[in-house]
Protein backbone atom coordinates (compact mmCIF):
# COMPACT_ATOMS: atom_id res chain seq x y z
CA MET A 1 -5.98 -12.92 1.28
CA ASN A 2 -3.23 -15.34 2.16
CA ARG A 3 -3.65 -16.42 5.71
CA ARG A 4 -0.24 -17.64 6.64
CA ALA A 5 2.92 -15.31 6.93
CA VAL A 6 5.00 -14.81 4.01
CA ARG A 7 8.68 -15.89 4.50
CA ILE A 8 11.00 -13.30 3.07
CA GLY A 9 14.65 -13.71 3.41
CA ASN A 10 17.67 -11.39 2.73
CA ALA A 11 20.85 -12.46 1.02
CA SER A 12 22.68 -9.32 0.65
CA GLY A 13 23.30 -6.27 2.86
CA PHE A 14 25.59 -4.29 0.74
CA TYR A 15 27.58 -4.61 -2.49
CA GLY A 16 30.32 -6.85 -1.81
CA ASP A 17 28.34 -9.02 0.86
CA ARG A 18 28.78 -12.76 1.17
CA ILE A 19 28.61 -14.35 -2.36
CA LYS A 20 27.29 -17.76 -1.05
CA ALA A 21 24.44 -16.08 1.04
CA MET A 22 21.90 -16.44 -1.72
CA GLN A 23 22.52 -19.97 -2.32
CA GLU A 24 22.64 -20.71 1.30
CA MET A 25 19.22 -18.96 1.86
CA VAL A 26 17.50 -20.71 -1.02
CA GLU A 27 18.73 -24.06 -0.13
CA GLY A 28 18.73 -23.74 3.61
CA GLY A 29 15.03 -23.92 4.24
CA PRO A 30 11.52 -22.81 3.03
CA LEU A 31 11.18 -19.21 1.66
CA ASP A 32 8.64 -17.51 -0.53
CA VAL A 33 10.90 -14.58 -1.40
CA VAL A 34 14.56 -13.88 -1.16
CA THR A 35 15.72 -10.16 -1.36
CA GLY A 36 19.15 -8.61 -2.01
CA ASP A 37 20.05 -5.15 -0.88
CA TYR A 38 23.22 -3.53 -2.62
CA LEU A 39 22.61 0.14 -2.78
CA ALA A 40 24.17 2.03 0.07
CA GLU A 41 24.49 5.84 -0.42
CA LEU A 42 28.04 5.42 -1.48
CA THR A 43 27.30 2.70 -3.96
CA MET A 44 25.43 5.05 -6.43
CA LEU A 45 28.79 6.75 -6.75
CA ILE A 46 30.68 3.46 -7.30
CA LEU A 47 28.14 2.51 -9.88
CA TYR A 48 28.61 5.75 -11.67
CA LYS A 49 32.33 5.40 -11.98
CA ALA A 50 31.87 1.84 -13.13
CA ARG A 51 29.30 3.20 -15.84
CA ARG A 52 31.98 6.09 -16.74
CA LYS A 53 34.36 3.30 -17.79
CA ASP A 54 31.77 1.01 -19.52
CA PRO A 55 28.26 2.31 -20.55
CA THR A 56 26.82 -1.07 -20.04
CA ALA A 57 27.72 -1.26 -16.55
CA GLY A 58 25.94 0.45 -13.60
CA TYR A 59 24.53 -2.49 -11.66
CA ALA A 60 25.83 -4.71 -9.06
CA ARG A 61 27.73 -7.47 -10.89
CA THR A 62 28.07 -9.78 -7.88
CA PHE A 63 24.26 -10.48 -8.05
CA LEU A 64 24.82 -12.37 -11.20
CA HIS A 65 27.49 -14.53 -9.59
CA GLN A 66 24.96 -15.19 -6.77
CA LEU A 67 22.24 -15.95 -9.25
CA GLU A 68 24.14 -18.36 -11.37
CA ALA A 69 24.61 -20.79 -8.33
CA THR A 70 20.87 -20.19 -7.37
CA LEU A 71 18.40 -19.59 -10.00
CA GLY A 72 17.71 -23.30 -10.90
CA THR A 73 16.93 -24.14 -7.25
CA ALA A 74 14.79 -21.01 -6.68
CA PHE A 75 12.93 -21.57 -9.94
CA ASP A 76 12.22 -25.33 -8.94
CA ARG A 77 11.11 -24.19 -5.38
CA GLY A 78 9.09 -21.24 -6.50
CA VAL A 79 11.07 -18.75 -4.57
CA ARG A 80 10.76 -15.25 -6.07
CA ILE A 81 13.75 -12.89 -6.12
CA VAL A 82 13.55 -9.32 -5.59
CA THR A 83 16.67 -7.00 -5.65
CA ASN A 84 17.78 -3.31 -6.12
CA ALA A 85 20.96 -4.65 -7.77
CA GLY A 86 19.78 -2.87 -10.90
CA GLY A 87 21.33 0.35 -9.47
CA LEU A 88 21.90 2.78 -12.35
CA ASN A 89 21.05 0.41 -15.04
CA PRO A 90 18.16 -2.04 -14.25
CA SER A 91 17.31 -2.86 -17.72
CA GLY A 92 20.94 -3.81 -18.47
CA LEU A 93 20.77 -6.21 -15.56
CA ALA A 94 17.57 -7.67 -16.69
CA ASP A 95 19.15 -8.25 -20.17
CA GLU A 96 22.13 -9.98 -18.39
CA ILE A 97 19.63 -12.22 -16.41
CA HIS A 98 18.01 -13.33 -19.50
CA ALA A 99 21.29 -14.18 -20.92
CA LEU A 100 22.35 -15.98 -17.95
CA ALA A 101 19.21 -18.07 -17.67
CA GLY A 102 19.47 -18.95 -21.37
CA ARG A 103 22.92 -20.50 -20.78
CA LEU A 104 21.51 -22.28 -17.66
CA GLY A 105 18.50 -23.72 -19.79
CA LEU A 106 16.02 -21.73 -17.74
CA ALA A 107 13.28 -19.11 -18.72
CA PRO A 108 12.37 -17.17 -15.56
CA LYS A 109 9.83 -14.25 -15.89
CA VAL A 110 11.91 -10.91 -15.29
CA ALA A 111 10.47 -7.69 -14.58
CA TYR A 112 12.26 -4.40 -13.87
CA LEU A 113 11.53 -0.83 -12.60
CA ASP A 114 12.92 2.55 -13.59
CA GLY A 115 12.09 6.15 -13.37
CA ASP A 116 14.21 6.92 -10.40
CA ASP A 117 17.00 8.47 -12.36
CA LEU A 118 16.54 12.14 -12.52
CA THR A 119 20.10 13.24 -13.50
CA ASP A 120 19.04 14.73 -16.93
CA ARG A 121 15.99 16.47 -15.37
CA LEU A 122 17.64 18.52 -12.66
CA GLY A 123 17.95 21.54 -14.66
CA GLU A 124 14.38 21.36 -15.68
CA LEU A 125 13.18 20.71 -12.14
CA MET A 126 15.14 23.53 -10.75
CA ASP A 127 13.87 26.00 -13.56
CA ALA A 128 10.42 25.06 -12.42
CA GLY A 129 11.19 26.17 -8.92
CA HIS A 130 12.24 23.18 -7.20
CA GLU A 131 15.27 24.13 -5.20
CA LEU A 132 16.49 20.62 -4.06
CA THR A 133 17.37 22.06 -0.89
CA HIS A 134 19.94 20.12 1.09
CA LEU A 135 18.13 18.32 4.03
CA ASP A 136 20.63 19.44 6.61
CA THR A 137 22.20 22.62 5.45
CA GLY A 138 19.20 24.30 3.90
CA ARG A 139 21.32 25.31 0.93
CA SER A 140 19.91 25.13 -2.49
CA LEU A 141 21.49 22.98 -5.13
CA ARG A 142 21.45 25.72 -7.78
CA GLU A 143 23.48 28.08 -5.79
CA THR A 144 26.39 25.69 -5.55
CA GLY A 145 26.92 25.70 -9.34
CA VAL A 146 27.88 21.96 -9.27
CA VAL A 147 27.05 19.52 -11.96
CA PRO A 148 25.70 16.31 -10.40
CA VAL A 149 26.67 12.92 -11.79
CA THR A 150 23.87 11.01 -10.20
CA ALA A 151 20.31 12.01 -8.96
CA ASN A 152 17.99 9.09 -8.01
CA ALA A 153 14.67 9.36 -6.24
CA TYR A 154 13.93 6.60 -3.67
CA LEU A 155 11.08 4.72 -5.03
CA GLY A 156 8.27 2.81 -3.03
CA ALA A 157 6.99 -0.87 -3.04
CA TRP A 158 3.94 -0.86 -5.25
CA GLY A 159 5.87 -1.37 -8.41
CA ILE A 160 7.48 -4.61 -6.91
CA ALA A 161 4.07 -5.64 -5.89
CA ALA A 162 2.59 -5.26 -9.26
CA ALA A 163 5.47 -7.17 -10.82
CA LEU A 164 4.97 -10.10 -8.57
CA ALA A 165 1.17 -10.01 -9.23
CA GLU A 166 1.90 -10.20 -12.87
CA GLY A 167 3.93 -13.38 -12.26
CA ALA A 168 7.49 -12.15 -12.24
CA ASP A 169 9.95 -14.67 -10.92
CA ILE A 170 12.69 -11.85 -10.70
CA VAL A 171 12.09 -8.30 -10.03
CA VAL A 172 15.08 -5.87 -10.69
CA CYS A 173 14.81 -2.54 -9.00
CA PRO A 174 16.86 0.55 -9.25
CA ARG A 175 17.10 3.04 -6.34
CA VAL A 176 14.03 1.86 -4.14
CA THR A 177 14.15 2.31 -0.44
CA ASP A 178 15.83 -0.65 1.39
CA ALA A 179 12.63 -1.40 3.09
CA SER A 180 10.54 -1.48 -0.04
CA LEU A 181 12.21 -4.92 -1.07
CA VAL A 182 10.13 -6.38 1.84
CA VAL A 183 7.15 -4.12 1.76
CA GLY A 184 6.46 -5.11 -2.04
CA PRO A 185 6.33 -8.78 -1.58
CA ALA A 186 4.39 -8.54 1.66
CA ALA A 187 1.82 -6.31 0.00
CA TRP A 188 1.55 -8.55 -3.00
CA TRP A 189 1.17 -11.73 -0.79
CA HIS A 190 -1.31 -10.13 1.61
CA ARG A 191 -3.13 -8.13 -1.07
CA TRP A 192 -2.96 -5.12 1.07
CA SER A 193 -4.34 -1.68 -0.17
CA ARG A 194 -2.43 1.42 -0.04
CA GLU A 195 -4.53 2.61 2.96
CA ASP A 196 -3.44 -0.33 5.00
CA HIS A 197 -1.06 1.83 6.91
CA ASP A 198 -0.45 -0.26 9.96
CA ALA A 199 0.34 -3.34 8.02
CA LEU A 200 2.55 -1.48 5.54
CA ALA A 201 4.41 0.03 8.53
CA GLY A 202 5.02 -3.42 10.06
CA ALA A 203 6.50 -4.47 6.74
CA VAL A 204 8.83 -1.24 6.56
CA ALA A 205 10.01 -2.23 10.10
CA ALA A 206 10.68 -5.88 8.95
CA GLY A 207 12.51 -4.72 5.89
CA HIS A 208 14.54 -2.26 7.94
CA ILE A 209 15.73 -5.15 10.25
CA ILE A 210 16.74 -7.70 7.58
CA GLU A 211 18.09 -5.09 5.05
CA CYS A 212 21.76 -5.43 6.40
CA GLY A 213 21.77 -9.18 6.36
CA PRO A 214 23.61 -10.94 9.21
CA GLN A 215 23.52 -7.89 11.52
CA ALA A 216 20.11 -8.94 12.66
CA CYS A 217 21.59 -12.48 13.46
CA GLY A 218 24.42 -11.37 15.74
CA GLY A 219 26.65 -9.50 13.33
CA ASN A 220 28.29 -6.21 14.69
CA TYR A 221 26.51 -6.91 18.06
CA SER A 222 27.66 -5.13 21.22
CA PHE A 223 26.94 -8.01 23.61
CA ALA A 224 29.26 -10.67 22.13
CA ASP A 225 28.76 -13.09 24.87
CA GLU A 226 25.14 -13.58 23.89
CA VAL A 227 26.32 -14.96 20.50
CA VAL A 228 27.29 -18.34 21.60
CA ASP A 229 27.44 -19.77 18.13
CA ARG A 230 30.37 -18.08 16.59
CA ARG A 231 30.08 -19.58 13.13
CA TYR A 232 29.38 -17.03 10.39
CA PRO A 233 25.92 -15.70 11.20
CA GLY A 234 22.95 -16.80 9.23
CA PHE A 235 21.00 -14.31 7.13
CA PRO A 236 17.68 -13.04 8.49
CA ILE A 237 14.16 -14.05 7.58
CA ALA A 238 11.05 -11.97 8.24
CA GLU A 239 7.76 -13.99 8.60
CA VAL A 240 5.31 -11.15 7.83
CA GLU A 241 1.69 -11.71 8.90
CA ALA A 242 -1.49 -10.21 7.35
CA ASP A 243 -1.62 -7.37 9.95
CA GLY A 244 2.02 -6.41 9.63
CA SER A 245 3.35 -7.94 12.64
CA PHE A 246 6.14 -10.32 12.04
CA VAL A 247 8.80 -12.64 13.36
CA ILE A 248 12.52 -12.35 12.69
CA THR A 249 14.30 -15.61 12.55
CA LYS A 250 16.99 -17.48 10.60
CA HIS A 251 17.32 -20.91 8.98
CA ASP A 252 18.21 -23.85 11.26
CA ASP A 253 21.80 -24.85 11.85
CA THR A 254 23.26 -21.50 10.90
CA GLY A 255 25.62 -19.38 13.12
CA GLY A 256 24.75 -16.42 15.11
CA VAL A 257 21.63 -15.69 17.25
CA VAL A 258 18.37 -13.80 16.90
CA ASN A 259 17.31 -12.15 20.13
CA THR A 260 15.56 -9.03 21.20
CA GLY A 261 18.96 -7.34 21.40
CA THR A 262 20.01 -8.11 17.91
CA VAL A 263 16.61 -6.97 16.50
CA THR A 264 16.40 -3.89 18.68
CA ALA A 265 20.00 -2.93 17.41
CA GLN A 266 19.06 -3.25 13.72
CA LEU A 267 15.76 -1.18 14.40
CA LEU A 268 17.91 1.68 15.53
CA TYR A 269 20.35 1.38 12.75
CA GLU A 270 20.74 4.41 10.64
CA ILE A 271 17.30 5.94 11.62
CA GLN A 272 16.70 9.53 12.44
CA THR A 273 13.25 10.41 14.20
CA PRO A 274 11.12 7.40 15.39
CA ALA A 275 8.73 8.37 12.58
CA TYR A 276 10.57 6.44 9.87
CA SER A 277 9.38 7.80 6.46
CA ASN A 278 8.96 5.74 3.35
CA PRO A 279 7.26 6.56 0.05
CA ASP A 280 4.18 4.39 0.91
CA VAL A 281 3.80 4.96 4.61
CA VAL A 282 5.34 6.53 7.69
CA ALA A 283 6.24 3.80 10.20
CA HIS A 284 6.24 4.81 13.68
CA PHE A 285 9.06 2.75 15.49
CA ASP A 286 8.01 4.16 19.02
CA ALA A 287 4.87 2.00 18.64
CA LEU A 288 6.69 -1.24 18.10
CA GLN A 289 7.12 -3.90 20.79
CA VAL A 290 9.83 -6.57 20.66
CA THR A 291 9.45 -9.90 22.49
CA GLN A 292 11.40 -13.19 22.31
CA GLU A 293 9.12 -15.93 21.11
CA GLY A 294 11.39 -18.73 21.23
CA PRO A 295 15.08 -19.75 20.28
CA ASP A 296 16.09 -17.55 17.23
CA ARG A 297 12.68 -16.14 16.97
CA VAL A 298 11.66 -12.62 17.89
CA ARG A 299 8.17 -11.11 17.48
CA VAL A 300 7.81 -7.49 16.48
CA SER A 301 4.11 -6.30 16.95
CA GLY A 302 2.21 -2.96 17.72
CA CYS A 303 2.97 -1.62 14.08
CA ARG A 304 1.35 1.71 13.48
CA GLY A 305 1.57 3.65 10.35
CA SER A 306 0.29 6.96 8.81
CA ALA A 307 0.02 8.29 5.27
CA PRO A 308 3.32 9.03 3.55
CA SER A 309 4.37 12.74 3.05
CA GLY A 310 3.92 12.86 -0.69
CA LEU A 311 7.62 13.69 -1.02
CA LEU A 312 10.35 11.49 -2.25
CA LYS A 313 13.94 11.54 -1.05
CA VAL A 314 16.46 12.14 -3.78
CA CYS A 315 20.15 11.18 -3.52
CA ILE A 316 22.26 13.51 -5.49
CA ASP A 317 26.11 12.88 -5.96
CA TYR A 318 28.51 15.30 -7.69
CA ILE A 319 32.39 15.16 -7.89
CA GLY A 320 33.64 17.56 -5.24
CA GLY A 321 37.31 17.45 -6.36
CA TYR A 322 40.36 15.46 -5.77
CA ARG A 323 41.96 14.15 -2.59
CA ASN A 324 45.18 12.12 -1.40
CA THR A 325 46.33 10.79 1.83
CA MET A 326 49.65 9.87 3.24
CA THR A 327 50.21 8.37 6.55
CA MET A 328 53.47 8.74 8.44
CA VAL A 329 54.60 6.43 11.19
CA MET A 330 55.88 7.73 14.57
CA THR A 331 57.61 5.33 16.96
CA GLY A 332 58.55 5.47 20.60
CA LEU A 333 59.38 8.65 22.44
CA ASP A 334 58.13 12.20 21.81
CA ILE A 335 55.18 11.26 19.62
CA GLU A 336 53.63 14.65 19.69
CA ARG A 337 56.78 16.52 19.09
CA LYS A 338 57.51 14.32 16.02
CA ALA A 339 54.21 14.70 14.64
CA ALA A 340 54.23 18.50 14.94
CA TRP A 341 57.74 18.58 13.36
CA ALA A 342 56.52 16.31 10.50
CA GLU A 343 53.49 18.64 9.85
CA ALA A 344 55.57 21.76 9.79
CA GLN A 345 58.20 20.28 7.57
CA LEU A 346 55.71 18.80 5.14
CA PHE A 347 53.78 22.08 4.49
CA GLU A 348 57.04 23.99 4.39
CA VAL A 349 58.23 21.69 1.45
CA LEU A 350 54.78 22.21 -0.10
CA GLY A 351 54.54 25.88 0.24
CA GLY A 352 51.87 26.18 2.93
CA LYS A 353 48.35 24.78 3.86
CA GLU A 354 46.54 27.82 2.41
CA GLN A 355 47.15 26.77 -1.24
CA PHE A 356 44.67 23.61 -0.73
CA ASP A 357 41.04 23.74 -0.43
CA GLU A 358 41.00 21.55 2.46
CA VAL A 359 43.68 19.98 4.85
CA ASP A 360 42.91 17.44 7.56
CA VAL A 361 45.67 16.30 9.84
CA ARG A 362 44.98 13.48 12.47
CA LEU A 363 47.41 11.95 14.92
CA LEU A 364 46.07 8.37 15.50
CA ARG A 365 47.61 7.20 18.79
CA PHE A 366 48.29 3.44 19.18
CA SER A 367 51.43 3.76 21.13
CA GLN A 368 52.11 2.99 24.80
CA ASP A 369 55.08 3.54 27.17
CA ASP A 370 57.60 0.66 27.45
CA ALA A 371 55.70 -1.25 24.61
CA PRO A 372 56.28 -5.13 24.65
CA THR A 373 56.52 -4.95 20.79
CA ASN A 374 57.71 -2.53 18.24
CA GLU A 375 54.15 -2.21 16.71
CA GLN A 376 52.76 -1.28 20.06
CA ALA A 377 55.04 1.72 20.20
CA THR A 378 53.69 3.29 17.00
CA ALA A 379 51.41 6.18 16.12
CA HIS A 380 50.12 7.33 12.77
CA LEU A 381 50.06 10.91 11.34
CA ARG A 382 47.36 10.90 8.67
CA VAL A 383 47.50 13.82 6.35
CA THR A 384 44.60 14.30 3.77
CA VAL A 385 44.56 17.26 1.35
CA LYS A 386 41.68 18.17 -1.15
CA ASP A 387 41.53 20.51 -4.11
CA ALA A 388 39.72 21.21 -7.30
CA ASP A 389 43.10 21.08 -8.99
CA ARG A 390 44.27 17.44 -9.22
CA ALA A 391 47.86 18.31 -9.86
CA LYS A 392 48.15 20.02 -6.36
CA VAL A 393 47.08 16.86 -4.51
CA GLY A 394 48.65 14.16 -6.68
CA ARG A 395 52.17 12.93 -6.86
CA ARG A 396 53.42 16.40 -5.95
CA PHE A 397 51.87 16.07 -2.50
CA SER A 398 52.76 12.50 -1.78
CA ASN A 399 56.40 12.90 -3.13
CA ALA A 400 56.75 15.82 -0.90
CA THR A 401 56.01 13.56 2.19
CA MET A 402 58.95 11.35 0.94
CA GLU A 403 61.19 14.27 1.05
CA LEU A 404 61.17 14.00 4.75
CA ALA A 405 62.35 10.52 4.75
CA LEU A 406 66.06 11.41 5.51
CA ALA A 407 65.54 14.91 6.79
CA GLY A 408 62.79 14.59 9.37
CA TYR A 409 62.13 12.93 12.81
CA ALA A 410 63.86 9.76 13.92
CA GLY A 411 62.36 6.55 12.65
CA PHE A 412 60.48 8.11 9.68
CA HIS A 413 58.59 5.77 7.39
CA THR A 414 55.14 5.65 5.79
CA THR A 415 52.36 3.03 5.43
CA THR A 416 52.47 3.20 1.72
CA PRO A 417 54.56 4.42 -1.23
CA PRO A 418 53.65 7.76 -2.90
CA THR A 419 50.15 7.80 -4.26
CA ASP A 420 48.15 9.66 -6.91
CA ALA A 421 45.15 11.68 -6.34
CA SER A 422 41.67 10.33 -6.72
CA ASP A 423 38.38 12.11 -7.18
CA TYR A 424 35.94 12.11 -4.38
CA GLY A 425 32.11 12.53 -4.39
CA VAL A 426 29.77 14.90 -2.31
CA TYR A 427 26.44 13.53 -1.22
CA TRP A 428 23.45 15.87 -1.42
CA PRO A 429 20.08 14.68 -0.06
CA ALA A 430 16.87 16.51 -0.97
CA LEU A 431 13.16 16.10 -1.23
CA LEU A 432 10.84 16.33 -4.33
CA PRO A 433 7.11 15.96 -4.65
CA ALA A 434 6.35 12.44 -5.74
CA GLU A 435 4.26 13.34 -8.62
CA LEU A 436 7.27 14.89 -10.35
CA VAL A 437 8.65 11.31 -10.56
CA THR A 438 7.34 8.66 -13.11
CA GLN A 439 7.90 5.23 -11.95
CA ARG A 440 7.83 2.58 -14.79
CA LEU A 441 7.20 -1.11 -14.54
CA VAL A 442 8.42 -3.17 -17.58
CA LEU A 443 6.62 -6.55 -17.17
CA PRO A 444 8.21 -9.90 -18.38
CA ASP A 445 6.20 -9.83 -21.47
CA GLY A 446 7.35 -6.37 -22.46
CA ARG A 447 4.32 -4.50 -21.49
CA GLU A 448 4.95 -1.17 -19.62
CA ARG A 449 2.88 0.25 -16.82
CA VAL A 450 3.25 3.64 -14.98
CA VAL A 451 3.06 2.88 -11.12
CA GLU A 452 1.21 5.56 -9.35
CA HIS A 453 2.59 6.94 -6.07
CA SER A 454 0.76 6.72 -2.75
CA ALA A 455 -1.20 9.82 -1.70
CA SER A 456 -0.86 11.61 1.60
CA THR A 457 -4.23 11.41 3.26
CA ASP A 458 -4.37 11.54 7.05
CA PRO A 459 -2.43 13.16 9.82
CA TRP A 460 -0.43 11.39 12.64
CA PRO A 461 -0.98 10.34 15.36
CA ALA A 462 -3.69 7.93 14.37
CA PRO A 463 -6.60 7.35 16.65
CA GLY A 464 -5.85 5.03 19.51
CA PHE A 465 -2.15 5.46 19.64
CA THR A 466 -0.63 6.58 22.78
CA PRO A 467 3.24 6.68 22.88
CA VAL A 468 4.67 5.00 25.85
CA ALA A 469 6.05 7.39 28.46
CA THR A 470 9.73 7.53 29.29
CA PRO A 471 10.32 6.07 32.83
CA GLU A 472 10.97 8.41 35.65
CA ALA A 473 14.55 8.93 36.60
CA PRO A 474 15.73 6.47 39.45
CA ALA A 475 16.54 7.55 42.96
CA GLU A 476 20.00 8.65 43.54
CA GLY A 477 22.43 6.06 45.08
CA PRO A 478 25.99 5.18 45.12
CA THR A 479 27.90 5.21 41.81
CA VAL A 480 31.17 4.01 40.38
CA ARG A 481 33.24 5.11 37.41
CA ALA A 482 32.71 2.36 34.84
CA PRO A 483 32.23 2.05 31.09
CA LEU A 484 28.83 3.22 29.71
CA GLY A 485 28.57 -0.03 27.79
CA LEU A 486 28.04 -2.07 30.77
CA VAL A 487 24.52 -1.08 30.78
CA CYS A 488 23.60 -0.41 27.21
CA GLY A 489 24.43 -1.77 23.74
CA ALA A 490 24.89 0.48 20.58
CA ARG A 491 24.52 0.49 16.93
CA SER A 492 25.93 3.47 14.75
CA GLY A 493 26.18 4.32 11.16
CA ASP A 494 25.82 7.11 8.64
CA LYS A 495 23.06 9.16 7.14
CA GLY A 496 24.75 11.17 4.53
CA GLY A 497 26.92 13.55 6.39
CA ASN A 498 25.29 12.72 9.77
CA ALA A 499 26.19 9.99 12.14
CA ASN A 500 23.31 7.96 13.87
CA VAL A 501 24.02 6.37 17.27
CA GLY A 502 21.31 4.20 18.77
CA LEU A 503 21.56 3.05 22.42
CA TRP A 504 19.41 0.41 24.16
CA ALA A 505 19.26 -1.01 27.60
CA ARG A 506 18.26 -4.67 28.41
CA THR A 507 16.22 -3.94 31.53
CA ASP A 508 13.71 -1.33 32.83
CA ALA A 509 16.09 -0.10 35.50
CA GLU A 510 18.90 0.36 33.06
CA HIS A 511 16.62 2.17 30.64
CA ALA A 512 15.26 4.50 33.29
CA TRP A 513 18.83 5.53 34.27
CA LEU A 514 20.03 5.97 30.60
CA ALA A 515 17.12 7.97 29.43
CA SER A 516 17.57 10.35 32.40
CA TYR A 517 21.42 10.44 32.36
CA LEU A 518 22.31 10.65 28.56
CA THR A 519 21.17 14.20 27.78
CA VAL A 520 22.42 15.90 24.63
CA GLU A 521 24.90 17.81 26.91
CA ARG A 522 26.32 14.65 28.38
CA PHE A 523 26.45 13.01 24.98
CA LYS A 524 28.64 15.91 23.63
CA GLN A 525 30.84 15.54 26.65
CA LEU A 526 31.36 11.82 25.80
CA LEU A 527 31.86 12.63 22.18
CA PRO A 528 33.98 15.68 22.02
CA GLU A 529 33.92 15.88 18.23
CA ALA A 530 30.25 16.67 18.49
CA ALA A 531 30.85 19.71 20.89
CA ASP A 532 30.02 22.32 18.24
CA LEU A 533 27.67 20.36 16.23
CA GLU A 534 23.98 20.11 16.39
CA VAL A 535 22.87 16.88 18.09
CA ARG A 536 19.25 15.59 18.05
CA ARG A 537 18.05 13.21 20.59
CA HIS A 538 14.89 10.85 20.22
CA GLU A 539 13.29 8.57 22.80
CA LEU A 540 11.99 5.18 21.85
CA PRO A 541 10.68 3.80 25.15
CA ASN A 542 9.11 0.68 23.84
CA LEU A 543 12.45 -0.38 22.79
CA ARG A 544 14.19 0.97 25.97
CA ALA A 545 16.15 3.12 23.63
CA LEU A 546 17.67 6.58 22.67
CA ASN A 547 18.58 7.65 19.17
CA PHE A 548 21.14 10.41 18.50
CA ILE A 549 21.86 12.26 15.32
CA VAL A 550 24.97 14.02 15.05
CA VAL A 551 24.52 16.55 12.10
CA GLY A 552 27.59 17.19 9.90
CA LEU A 553 30.02 14.78 11.76
CA LEU A 554 30.77 13.03 8.52
CA GLY A 555 31.20 16.15 6.39
CA SER A 556 29.35 15.72 3.08
CA GLY A 557 29.05 11.90 3.31
CA VAL A 558 31.27 8.84 3.26
CA ALA A 559 32.97 9.63 -0.07
CA ASP A 560 34.04 13.05 1.19
CA SER A 561 34.73 12.52 4.97
CA SER A 562 38.30 12.43 6.11
CA ARG A 563 37.58 10.61 9.29
CA PRO A 564 39.33 7.21 9.82
CA ASP A 565 35.84 5.81 10.29
CA PRO A 566 33.89 7.67 7.64
CA GLN A 567 30.62 5.89 8.07
CA ALA A 568 30.60 6.06 11.91
CA LYS A 569 30.43 2.31 12.15
CA GLY A 570 32.59 2.29 15.39
CA LEU A 571 31.12 5.35 16.91
CA GLY A 572 28.61 3.54 19.19
CA GLU A 573 31.30 1.19 20.49
CA TYR A 574 33.50 4.31 21.25
CA LEU A 575 30.58 5.74 23.26
CA ARG A 576 30.17 2.57 25.10
CA SER A 577 33.73 2.63 26.10
CA ARG A 578 33.66 6.02 27.83
CA THR A 579 33.72 6.05 31.58
CA VAL A 580 30.65 7.49 33.33
CA ASP A 581 29.28 7.46 36.79
CA LEU A 582 27.28 4.41 36.80
CA PRO A 583 24.70 3.45 39.66
CA VAL A 584 26.22 0.45 41.59
CA GLY A 585 22.92 -1.27 41.65
CA LEU A 586 22.96 -1.50 37.80
CA LEU A 587 26.17 -3.22 37.52
CA PRO A 588 26.44 -6.97 36.69
CA SER A 589 27.66 -9.19 39.77
CA GLY A 590 31.33 -8.41 40.30
CA ALA A 591 31.50 -5.51 37.94
CA ALA A 592 31.38 -2.94 40.64
CA SER A 593 34.45 -4.10 42.37
CA ALA A 594 36.47 -4.40 39.08
CA ALA A 595 35.42 -0.90 38.10
CA SER A 596 36.49 0.47 41.49
CA ALA A 597 39.82 -1.25 41.18
CA HIS A 598 40.24 0.01 37.50
CA ALA A 599 39.38 3.59 38.62
């Protein structure tokens, strides 16, 4: 067993992330492994559309650009590369890597995984009684009658570990879980067994923290004053030890910051329950402890894991129909009246709303009275229509909008010329027994191996684990109306059609108040859009945190949602801006008087 920690860096958080990041990571300091995560839920649909145009496509092409500038240095330094850029075509990407390496005069050992793609097997699986029930609605896929265009099971880490053990320099993955990109290298390095659940759970937490690149190093961080170095943030490194505990850090002389807040924010990002399920282990985030070890070094310990469920999540996409959006600009006085008039006129020209499968009309207010500039006096009326018939929502719709140009409200103009319709995808999450999915590893020498799935063997909680109790509510005292964000940070995002909002406090006193104050009922008051939706609340006392899941806020996923923020990236910051009754004793120095004056 290796005694020192394995240093695993991340060089991509999504398809389109910083191109130079991989070169900066490989050249910026010592690393054992560099990873790249490219596959958000939406990305699978993007890759499908690319492959629809070109059968040889289906992988993240930007990875090749990164590799061209990096491969020689990584090869010389012995840095292994593990990526899920293979997407829908891992073998195709492996071929392209070989071709690129040949042009560079290099000969890296390249392995790839597949077996995640179930698209052509869905009929067979449903005929065998697997309903592929939607995780949130409970509806079976069969009853929808739709024809999915992608269906990919989230694979685990053991195929990656096996590839590295066979000497692979580069491991190309399809749809594995984001955390598996770190779990696989850590398991290989430390020679863990499948029953080392606590260690595996720690690696899952490490992978979850670094999967989104610079977010763990001050990107998208609520408390901007803590990010003193405002250069582009460095990308994160996880130093994973043999027991699964780890340190999050970054290369020296890079921007941003790594502190307990940036790490906590990323732990809360896009999770659901504190029991974070992966194919190889269930990681219990409520057992984690986060401490500042030094400048830009945060230690995460207390990792606890239990056996996996024996089920794999399956990401299914189908084309839901066609959509189009036009945005009309209102300026100055009588914004609401202008918007109502425009909406009525538009659907009079079109022949009524009822002809469309779905209509979404939103008045986005940016305007202010007596605005100092023209732009500050404007608002947007955003109209989206959807239908199975492309012709209904194509130029017929957008041209109708332009018929209002000389006949509607004063000052009419639009943000774009008339546009055509585009198809949109619907995301369908389901579960499937792992034994129905055959994961295949193709080794650098061409040999093939089936990778077995981890078995579910023991219940949770494991012996000796006692969750930390939520603190008692603080004694009542004087309060002042002030923004919630004065005493908590937030990180939000999407989980299919659901939105996740994690909120954390920086002190025990703030946490005690937040945990007692922010009930589901108060959360819904602060987020009126959630008033009629299911909201799930989870406590993570070790992290001084709460996590809320708003079921269905995003419709059927980002590709389907008509919200201006379809991935709920700004939802947490919106909640922090809401005014609540904050205890005076929790406010930073001078904030109480400022809040009172504002009120």
